[in-house]
Each structure stands twice: as structure tokens, then as C-alpha cells.
Amino acid sequence: MKRSNRKILIGVLIIGLAVGFLIVRGISTTSAYYLTVAELKESPTGLNLGAEETVRVGGDVVADSIAYDQQALRLAFELRDQQNPAATIRVSYAGPKPDAFEPDVEVLAEGIYRRGDNLFAADNLLVKCPSKYSSEEGSK
């Protein structure tokens, strides 16, 4: 093997390893468990979740539990499990309230669950579009 071919092969290997490292690191930092409210409350330790590990939890917003401070951009509400309505957690979110956010709408919150306080500190909040935006059957 010529010396120049060996240099090219080593260069390609180094670049390949660097790209592989960046892909693995990117996936590991952006991945998060998806859980229902009941699953989050029942077994976070059974899923090997660390104290500060990010998780996603989905459920419905409990009516009459919404408190929004527009000046401080703080939103607090309760999230109810869709299959087990008795399971609820309190959610705290720092940021503007999403436009479609209202009682009984489905929400996906991403953040950290503090089991002792039964408080979910959300970093991201995604609201499922209400059915009023879906098209009617038979219309084009």
C-alpha cells in the first residue's frame, strides 16, 4: 500500500469516527422516555430513570387547574392520565402559554419529574390541536 493511500485511509477513518461520535452523542442527549401519567407515578425507578433525567409525559389538562401568570410567563396546571383519570400530576412550565392550550386538551410535556413533590417541571410543552381544526367528513 502506498504511503499516500495510507494517509487517505487514516483520514477517512478519523472523520468516520468523529461523525459516528457526534451522531451517538446527539441521539443520547435528545432522546427521552415517553410515559403516561400513571406510568410516571407508578414506576419511574423501575425504568432506571435518574433524578434529573428528561422524560415526556402525555395526558389531558384538568379543567379548573390552570393558573397562568402572564407577567412572569409561568403556567401551572394538572395533567390527567387518559386511561386512568384518577392519576394526576402537577405541571409547572416557564414560558408563554400555547395558543391551543385549554381545559381537557391533550398535552405532551417534556421535562423532569420530581417524585417527592409530585411536580413535573416542563421545559417544552406541546398541545395537540383540538378537533375543531380537523376537516369535516365529505368536504374537500
N, C-alpha and C. Protein backbone atom coordinates (compact mmCIF):
# COMPACT_ATOMS: atom_id res chain seq x y z
N MET A 1 0.85 -1.18 0.00
CA MET A 1 0.00 0.00 0.00
C MET A 1 0.89 1.24 0.00
N LYS A 2 0.58 2.16 -0.86
CA LYS A 2 1.38 3.38 -0.95
C LYS A 2 1.16 4.25 0.28
N ARG A 3 2.13 5.07 0.54
CA ARG A 3 2.09 5.96 1.71
C ARG A 3 0.92 6.95 1.62
N SER A 4 0.64 7.50 0.44
CA SER A 4 -0.45 8.46 0.28
C SER A 4 -1.80 7.79 0.47
N ASN A 5 -1.95 6.53 0.03
CA ASN A 5 -3.21 5.80 0.25
C ASN A 5 -3.45 5.53 1.73
N ARG A 6 -2.39 5.26 2.45
CA ARG A 6 -2.49 5.01 3.88
C ARG A 6 -2.95 6.28 4.61
N LYS A 7 -2.43 7.43 4.22
CA LYS A 7 -2.83 8.71 4.82
C LYS A 7 -4.30 8.99 4.55
N ILE A 8 -4.73 8.71 3.34
CA ILE A 8 -6.14 8.93 2.99
C ILE A 8 -7.02 8.00 3.82
N LEU A 9 -6.65 6.74 3.96
CA LEU A 9 -7.42 5.78 4.75
C LEU A 9 -7.51 6.21 6.21
N ILE A 10 -6.41 6.66 6.77
CA ILE A 10 -6.41 7.11 8.16
C ILE A 10 -7.29 8.35 8.31
N GLY A 11 -7.20 9.27 7.36
CA GLY A 11 -8.04 10.47 7.40
C GLY A 11 -9.52 10.13 7.33
N VAL A 12 -9.89 9.20 6.45
CA VAL A 12 -11.29 8.78 6.32
C VAL A 12 -11.76 8.10 7.60
N LEU A 13 -10.92 7.27 8.21
CA LEU A 13 -11.28 6.61 9.48
C LEU A 13 -11.50 7.63 10.60
N ILE A 14 -10.64 8.62 10.68
CA ILE A 14 -10.78 9.64 11.73
C ILE A 14 -12.08 10.43 11.53
N ILE A 15 -12.36 10.82 10.29
CA ILE A 15 -13.59 11.55 10.01
C ILE A 15 -14.81 10.68 10.29
N GLY A 16 -14.75 9.40 9.91
CA GLY A 16 -15.87 8.48 10.17
C GLY A 16 -16.12 8.31 11.66
N LEU A 17 -15.06 8.17 12.44
CA LEU A 17 -15.22 8.04 13.89
C LEU A 17 -15.79 9.32 14.51
N ALA A 18 -15.35 10.47 14.03
CA ALA A 18 -15.86 11.74 14.56
C ALA A 18 -17.35 11.89 14.24
N VAL A 19 -17.75 11.58 13.03
CA VAL A 19 -19.16 11.66 12.66
C VAL A 19 -19.99 10.67 13.47
N GLY A 20 -19.50 9.45 13.64
CA GLY A 20 -20.20 8.45 14.45
C GLY A 20 -20.37 8.91 15.88
N PHE A 21 -19.32 9.51 16.46
CA PHE A 21 -19.39 10.02 17.83
C PHE A 21 -20.45 11.12 17.94
N LEU A 22 -20.48 12.04 16.98
CA LEU A 22 -21.46 13.12 17.01
C LEU A 22 -22.88 12.61 16.88
N ILE A 23 -23.10 11.60 16.07
CA ILE A 23 -24.44 11.01 15.92
C ILE A 23 -24.89 10.37 17.22
N VAL A 24 -24.04 9.55 17.81
CA VAL A 24 -24.40 8.88 19.07
C VAL A 24 -24.64 9.89 20.17
N ARG A 25 -23.80 10.90 20.26
CA ARG A 25 -23.97 11.93 21.30
C ARG A 25 -25.26 12.72 21.09
N GLY A 26 -25.56 13.06 19.86
CA GLY A 26 -26.79 13.80 19.56
C GLY A 26 -28.03 13.00 19.90
N ILE A 27 -28.03 11.74 19.59
CA ILE A 27 -29.18 10.89 19.90
C ILE A 27 -29.35 10.73 21.40
N SER A 28 -28.27 10.53 22.12
CA SER A 28 -28.38 10.32 23.55
C SER A 28 -28.82 11.56 24.31
N THR A 29 -28.47 12.75 23.83
CA THR A 29 -28.86 13.96 24.55
C THR A 29 -30.27 14.42 24.20
N THR A 30 -30.81 14.00 23.08
CA THR A 30 -32.16 14.43 22.70
C THR A 30 -33.21 13.36 22.92
N SER A 31 -32.82 12.17 23.29
CA SER A 31 -33.80 11.11 23.50
C SER A 31 -34.41 11.22 24.89
N ALA A 32 -35.67 10.83 24.99
CA ALA A 32 -36.37 10.87 26.27
C ALA A 32 -37.43 9.78 26.29
N TYR A 33 -37.67 9.23 27.47
CA TYR A 33 -38.74 8.26 27.62
C TYR A 33 -40.08 8.93 27.39
N TYR A 34 -41.05 8.21 26.81
CA TYR A 34 -42.43 8.69 26.74
C TYR A 34 -43.26 7.85 27.69
N LEU A 35 -43.96 8.50 28.60
CA LEU A 35 -44.76 7.80 29.60
C LEU A 35 -46.13 8.44 29.72
N THR A 36 -47.08 7.65 30.20
CA THR A 36 -48.36 8.22 30.59
C THR A 36 -48.22 8.71 32.02
N VAL A 37 -49.20 9.46 32.48
CA VAL A 37 -49.16 9.97 33.84
C VAL A 37 -49.10 8.82 34.85
N ALA A 38 -49.93 7.80 34.65
CA ALA A 38 -49.95 6.66 35.57
C ALA A 38 -48.61 5.93 35.58
N GLU A 39 -48.00 5.74 34.42
CA GLU A 39 -46.69 5.07 34.37
C GLU A 39 -45.63 5.89 35.08
N LEU A 40 -45.68 7.19 34.92
CA LEU A 40 -44.70 8.06 35.56
C LEU A 40 -44.82 8.00 37.08
N LYS A 41 -46.05 8.01 37.59
CA LYS A 41 -46.26 7.98 39.03
C LYS A 41 -45.96 6.61 39.63
N GLU A 42 -46.24 5.54 38.90
CA GLU A 42 -46.09 4.19 39.45
C GLU A 42 -44.66 3.70 39.47
N SER A 43 -43.91 3.89 38.39
CA SER A 43 -42.62 3.20 38.34
C SER A 43 -41.49 3.98 37.67
N PRO A 44 -41.21 5.20 38.08
CA PRO A 44 -40.07 5.86 37.47
C PRO A 44 -38.74 5.20 37.81
N THR A 45 -38.63 4.62 39.01
CA THR A 45 -37.39 3.95 39.38
C THR A 45 -37.26 2.61 38.67
N GLY A 46 -38.38 1.97 38.35
CA GLY A 46 -38.33 0.71 37.62
C GLY A 46 -37.83 0.88 36.21
N LEU A 47 -37.88 2.09 35.69
CA LEU A 47 -37.39 2.36 34.34
C LEU A 47 -35.96 2.88 34.36
N ASN A 48 -35.32 2.82 35.52
CA ASN A 48 -33.95 3.30 35.69
C ASN A 48 -33.80 4.78 35.35
N LEU A 49 -34.81 5.56 35.69
CA LEU A 49 -34.72 7.00 35.45
C LEU A 49 -33.88 7.62 36.55
N GLY A 50 -32.96 8.47 36.15
CA GLY A 50 -32.16 9.19 37.12
C GLY A 50 -32.96 10.33 37.71
N ALA A 51 -32.41 10.94 38.74
CA ALA A 51 -33.11 12.03 39.41
C ALA A 51 -33.32 13.23 38.49
N GLU A 52 -32.43 13.44 37.56
CA GLU A 52 -32.52 14.58 36.67
C GLU A 52 -32.66 14.16 35.20
N GLU A 53 -33.26 13.01 34.94
CA GLU A 53 -33.40 12.54 33.57
C GLU A 53 -34.67 13.09 32.93
N THR A 54 -34.55 13.53 31.69
CA THR A 54 -35.67 14.10 30.97
C THR A 54 -36.62 13.01 30.49
N VAL A 55 -37.92 13.24 30.71
CA VAL A 55 -38.96 12.32 30.24
C VAL A 55 -40.05 13.13 29.56
N ARG A 56 -40.84 12.44 28.74
CA ARG A 56 -42.03 13.05 28.13
C ARG A 56 -43.24 12.36 28.73
N VAL A 57 -44.22 13.16 29.09
CA VAL A 57 -45.44 12.62 29.67
C VAL A 57 -46.62 13.23 28.93
N GLY A 58 -47.60 12.39 28.63
CA GLY A 58 -48.77 12.85 27.91
C GLY A 58 -50.03 12.63 28.72
N GLY A 59 -51.00 13.53 28.55
CA GLY A 59 -52.27 13.41 29.25
C GLY A 59 -53.16 14.58 28.89
N ASP A 60 -54.29 14.68 29.60
CA ASP A 60 -55.26 15.75 29.38
C ASP A 60 -55.16 16.79 30.49
N VAL A 61 -55.36 18.05 30.13
CA VAL A 61 -55.34 19.15 31.10
C VAL A 61 -56.62 19.08 31.93
N VAL A 62 -56.47 19.12 33.24
CA VAL A 62 -57.62 19.07 34.14
C VAL A 62 -58.28 20.45 34.16
N ALA A 63 -59.60 20.45 33.94
CA ALA A 63 -60.36 21.71 33.97
C ALA A 63 -60.24 22.35 35.36
N ASP A 64 -60.24 23.65 35.43
CA ASP A 64 -60.16 24.43 36.67
C ASP A 64 -58.83 24.26 37.41
N SER A 65 -57.79 23.79 36.73
CA SER A 65 -56.49 23.67 37.40
C SER A 65 -55.46 24.59 36.78
N ILE A 66 -55.84 25.39 35.79
CA ILE A 66 -54.90 26.22 35.05
C ILE A 66 -54.67 27.54 35.77
N ALA A 67 -53.41 27.84 36.03
CA ALA A 67 -53.01 29.12 36.61
C ALA A 67 -51.89 29.68 35.74
N TYR A 68 -52.13 30.85 35.13
CA TYR A 68 -51.14 31.44 34.24
C TYR A 68 -50.82 32.86 34.67
N ASP A 69 -49.54 33.11 34.90
CA ASP A 69 -49.06 34.45 35.23
C ASP A 69 -48.41 35.02 33.97
N GLN A 70 -49.11 35.92 33.31
CA GLN A 70 -48.64 36.46 32.04
C GLN A 70 -47.40 37.34 32.20
N GLN A 71 -47.26 38.00 33.31
CA GLN A 71 -46.10 38.86 33.55
C GLN A 71 -44.82 38.03 33.71
N ALA A 72 -44.91 36.97 34.51
CA ALA A 72 -43.75 36.13 34.77
C ALA A 72 -43.62 34.98 33.77
N LEU A 73 -44.60 34.83 32.89
CA LEU A 73 -44.65 33.72 31.93
C LEU A 73 -44.51 32.37 32.64
N ARG A 74 -45.37 32.14 33.64
CA ARG A 74 -45.40 30.88 34.39
C ARG A 74 -46.77 30.26 34.22
N LEU A 75 -46.79 29.00 33.80
CA LEU A 75 -48.02 28.26 33.61
C LEU A 75 -47.99 27.04 34.52
N ALA A 76 -49.05 26.86 35.29
CA ALA A 76 -49.17 25.70 36.17
C ALA A 76 -50.54 25.07 35.93
N PHE A 77 -50.56 23.74 35.90
CA PHE A 77 -51.82 23.03 35.69
C PHE A 77 -51.64 21.58 36.11
N GLU A 78 -52.75 20.84 36.13
CA GLU A 78 -52.69 19.42 36.42
C GLU A 78 -52.90 18.65 35.14
N LEU A 79 -52.17 17.54 35.02
CA LEU A 79 -52.27 16.67 33.87
C LEU A 79 -52.87 15.34 34.32
N ARG A 80 -53.89 14.88 33.61
CA ARG A 80 -54.63 13.67 33.98
C ARG A 80 -54.33 12.57 32.96
N ASP A 81 -54.16 11.35 33.46
CA ASP A 81 -53.95 10.19 32.59
C ASP A 81 -55.23 9.92 31.81
N GLN A 82 -55.12 9.60 30.52
CA GLN A 82 -56.29 9.37 29.69
C GLN A 82 -56.98 8.05 30.01
N GLN A 83 -56.22 7.04 30.38
CA GLN A 83 -56.79 5.72 30.69
C GLN A 83 -57.19 5.59 32.15
N ASN A 84 -56.50 6.29 33.02
CA ASN A 84 -56.75 6.22 34.46
C ASN A 84 -56.93 7.64 34.99
N PRO A 85 -58.15 8.20 34.90
CA PRO A 85 -58.38 9.61 35.28
C PRO A 85 -58.04 9.95 36.72
N ALA A 86 -57.90 8.96 37.58
CA ALA A 86 -57.55 9.23 38.97
C ALA A 86 -56.08 9.62 39.11
N ALA A 87 -55.25 9.26 38.15
CA ALA A 87 -53.82 9.58 38.20
C ALA A 87 -53.58 10.96 37.62
N THR A 88 -53.09 11.87 38.47
CA THR A 88 -52.79 13.24 38.03
C THR A 88 -51.43 13.67 38.57
N ILE A 89 -50.81 14.60 37.87
CA ILE A 89 -49.60 15.25 38.37
C ILE A 89 -49.71 16.74 38.12
N ARG A 90 -49.01 17.51 38.94
CA ARG A 90 -48.95 18.96 38.73
C ARG A 90 -47.82 19.24 37.76
N VAL A 91 -48.05 20.18 36.84
CA VAL A 91 -47.04 20.55 35.85
C VAL A 91 -46.75 22.04 36.01
N SER A 92 -45.47 22.38 35.98
CA SER A 92 -45.04 23.77 36.02
C SER A 92 -44.24 24.02 34.75
N TYR A 93 -44.59 25.09 34.03
CA TYR A 93 -43.93 25.41 32.77
C TYR A 93 -43.57 26.89 32.75
N ALA A 94 -42.33 27.20 32.42
CA ALA A 94 -41.87 28.58 32.32
C ALA A 94 -41.80 28.95 30.85
N GLY A 95 -42.74 29.76 30.41
CA GLY A 95 -42.78 30.17 29.02
C GLY A 95 -44.17 30.63 28.65
N PRO A 96 -44.33 31.12 27.44
CA PRO A 96 -45.65 31.58 27.01
C PRO A 96 -46.63 30.43 26.87
N LYS A 97 -47.87 30.69 27.21
CA LYS A 97 -48.91 29.68 27.11
C LYS A 97 -49.22 29.42 25.63
N PRO A 98 -49.20 28.16 25.20
CA PRO A 98 -49.52 27.86 23.81
C PRO A 98 -50.94 28.31 23.45
N ASP A 99 -51.15 28.73 22.20
CA ASP A 99 -52.45 29.25 21.78
C ASP A 99 -53.58 28.24 21.96
N ALA A 100 -53.35 26.98 21.65
CA ALA A 100 -54.41 25.97 21.71
C ALA A 100 -54.57 25.37 23.10
N PHE A 101 -53.85 25.89 24.09
CA PHE A 101 -53.91 25.34 25.45
C PHE A 101 -55.23 25.73 26.10
N GLU A 102 -55.99 24.74 26.54
CA GLU A 102 -57.27 24.95 27.22
C GLU A 102 -57.62 23.71 28.02
N PRO A 103 -58.64 23.76 28.87
CA PRO A 103 -59.02 22.58 29.65
C PRO A 103 -59.40 21.41 28.75
N ASP A 104 -59.09 20.22 29.21
CA ASP A 104 -59.43 18.95 28.56
C ASP A 104 -58.74 18.73 27.22
N VAL A 105 -57.73 19.51 26.88
CA VAL A 105 -56.99 19.29 25.65
C VAL A 105 -55.80 18.38 25.96
N GLU A 106 -55.38 17.59 24.98
CA GLU A 106 -54.27 16.67 25.18
C GLU A 106 -52.95 17.42 25.07
N VAL A 107 -52.05 17.16 26.03
CA VAL A 107 -50.76 17.86 26.12
C VAL A 107 -49.64 16.85 26.24
N LEU A 108 -48.52 17.17 25.62
CA LEU A 108 -47.29 16.39 25.78
C LEU A 108 -46.26 17.33 26.40
N ALA A 109 -45.82 17.00 27.61
CA ALA A 109 -44.85 17.82 28.33
C ALA A 109 -43.53 17.08 28.42
N GLU A 110 -42.44 17.81 28.22
CA GLU A 110 -41.10 17.23 28.31
C GLU A 110 -40.33 17.97 29.39
N GLY A 111 -39.77 17.22 30.33
CA GLY A 111 -39.04 17.84 31.42
C GLY A 111 -38.61 16.83 32.45
N ILE A 112 -38.55 17.27 33.70
CA ILE A 112 -38.06 16.44 34.81
C ILE A 112 -39.16 16.28 35.85
N TYR A 113 -39.38 15.04 36.28
CA TYR A 113 -40.40 14.75 37.29
C TYR A 113 -39.76 14.69 38.67
N ARG A 114 -40.31 15.47 39.59
CA ARG A 114 -39.85 15.45 40.98
C ARG A 114 -40.86 14.64 41.78
N ARG A 115 -40.54 13.38 41.97
CA ARG A 115 -41.46 12.42 42.57
C ARG A 115 -41.94 12.84 43.96
N GLY A 116 -41.05 13.33 44.79
CA GLY A 116 -41.43 13.70 46.15
C GLY A 116 -42.47 14.81 46.20
N ASP A 117 -42.40 15.73 45.24
CA ASP A 117 -43.34 16.86 45.20
C ASP A 117 -44.53 16.59 44.29
N ASN A 118 -44.50 15.45 43.56
CA ASN A 118 -45.50 15.15 42.52
C ASN A 118 -45.59 16.31 41.54
N LEU A 119 -44.42 16.88 41.19
CA LEU A 119 -44.35 18.05 40.32
C LEU A 119 -43.51 17.71 39.10
N PHE A 120 -44.04 18.04 37.94
CA PHE A 120 -43.33 17.85 36.68
C PHE A 120 -42.89 19.22 36.20
N ALA A 121 -41.59 19.46 36.15
CA ALA A 121 -41.04 20.74 35.68
C ALA A 121 -40.80 20.61 34.19
N ALA A 122 -41.69 21.19 33.39
CA ALA A 122 -41.63 21.05 31.94
C ALA A 122 -40.74 22.10 31.31
N ASP A 123 -39.91 21.65 30.37
CA ASP A 123 -39.09 22.56 29.57
C ASP A 123 -39.78 22.87 28.24
N ASN A 124 -40.49 21.88 27.71
CA ASN A 124 -41.24 22.01 26.46
C ASN A 124 -42.67 21.58 26.69
N LEU A 125 -43.58 22.21 25.99
CA LEU A 125 -45.00 21.91 26.12
C LEU A 125 -45.61 21.89 24.72
N LEU A 126 -46.14 20.74 24.32
CA LEU A 126 -46.77 20.60 23.02
C LEU A 126 -48.25 20.29 23.22
N VAL A 127 -49.09 21.01 22.50
CA VAL A 127 -50.54 20.84 22.64
C VAL A 127 -51.07 20.21 21.36
N LYS A 128 -51.86 19.15 21.53
CA LYS A 128 -52.48 18.52 20.38
C LYS A 128 -53.59 19.45 19.88
N CYS A 129 -53.65 19.62 18.57
CA CYS A 129 -54.67 20.50 18.00
C CYS A 129 -56.06 19.97 18.32
N PRO A 130 -56.96 20.83 18.76
CA PRO A 130 -58.32 20.40 19.04
C PRO A 130 -59.02 19.90 17.77
N SER A 131 -60.04 19.10 17.96
CA SER A 131 -60.75 18.50 16.82
C SER A 131 -61.49 19.54 15.99
N LYS A 132 -61.68 20.74 16.52
CA LYS A 132 -62.39 21.76 15.76
C LYS A 132 -61.61 22.19 14.52
N TYR A 133 -60.29 21.86 14.49
CA TYR A 133 -59.49 22.21 13.32
C TYR A 133 -59.46 21.11 12.27
N SER A 134 -59.97 19.92 12.59
CA SER A 134 -59.95 18.84 11.62
C SER A 134 -61.09 19.03 10.62
N SER A 135 -60.88 18.52 9.41
CA SER A 135 -61.89 18.72 8.36
C SER A 135 -63.12 17.85 8.61
N GLU A 136 -64.26 18.33 8.12
CA GLU A 136 -65.50 17.59 8.24
C GLU A 136 -65.52 16.50 7.18
N GLU A 137 -66.18 15.39 7.50
CA GLU A 137 -66.30 14.31 6.50
C GLU A 137 -67.12 14.77 5.33
N GLY A 138 -66.70 14.38 4.15
CA GLY A 138 -67.44 14.70 2.94
C GLY A 138 -67.06 16.03 2.32
N SER A 139 -66.33 16.89 3.06
CA SER A 139 -65.93 18.18 2.47
C SER A 139 -64.54 18.04 1.87
N LYS A 140 -64.24 18.89 0.89
CA LYS A 140 -62.95 18.81 0.22
C LYS A 140 -62.05 19.93 0.64
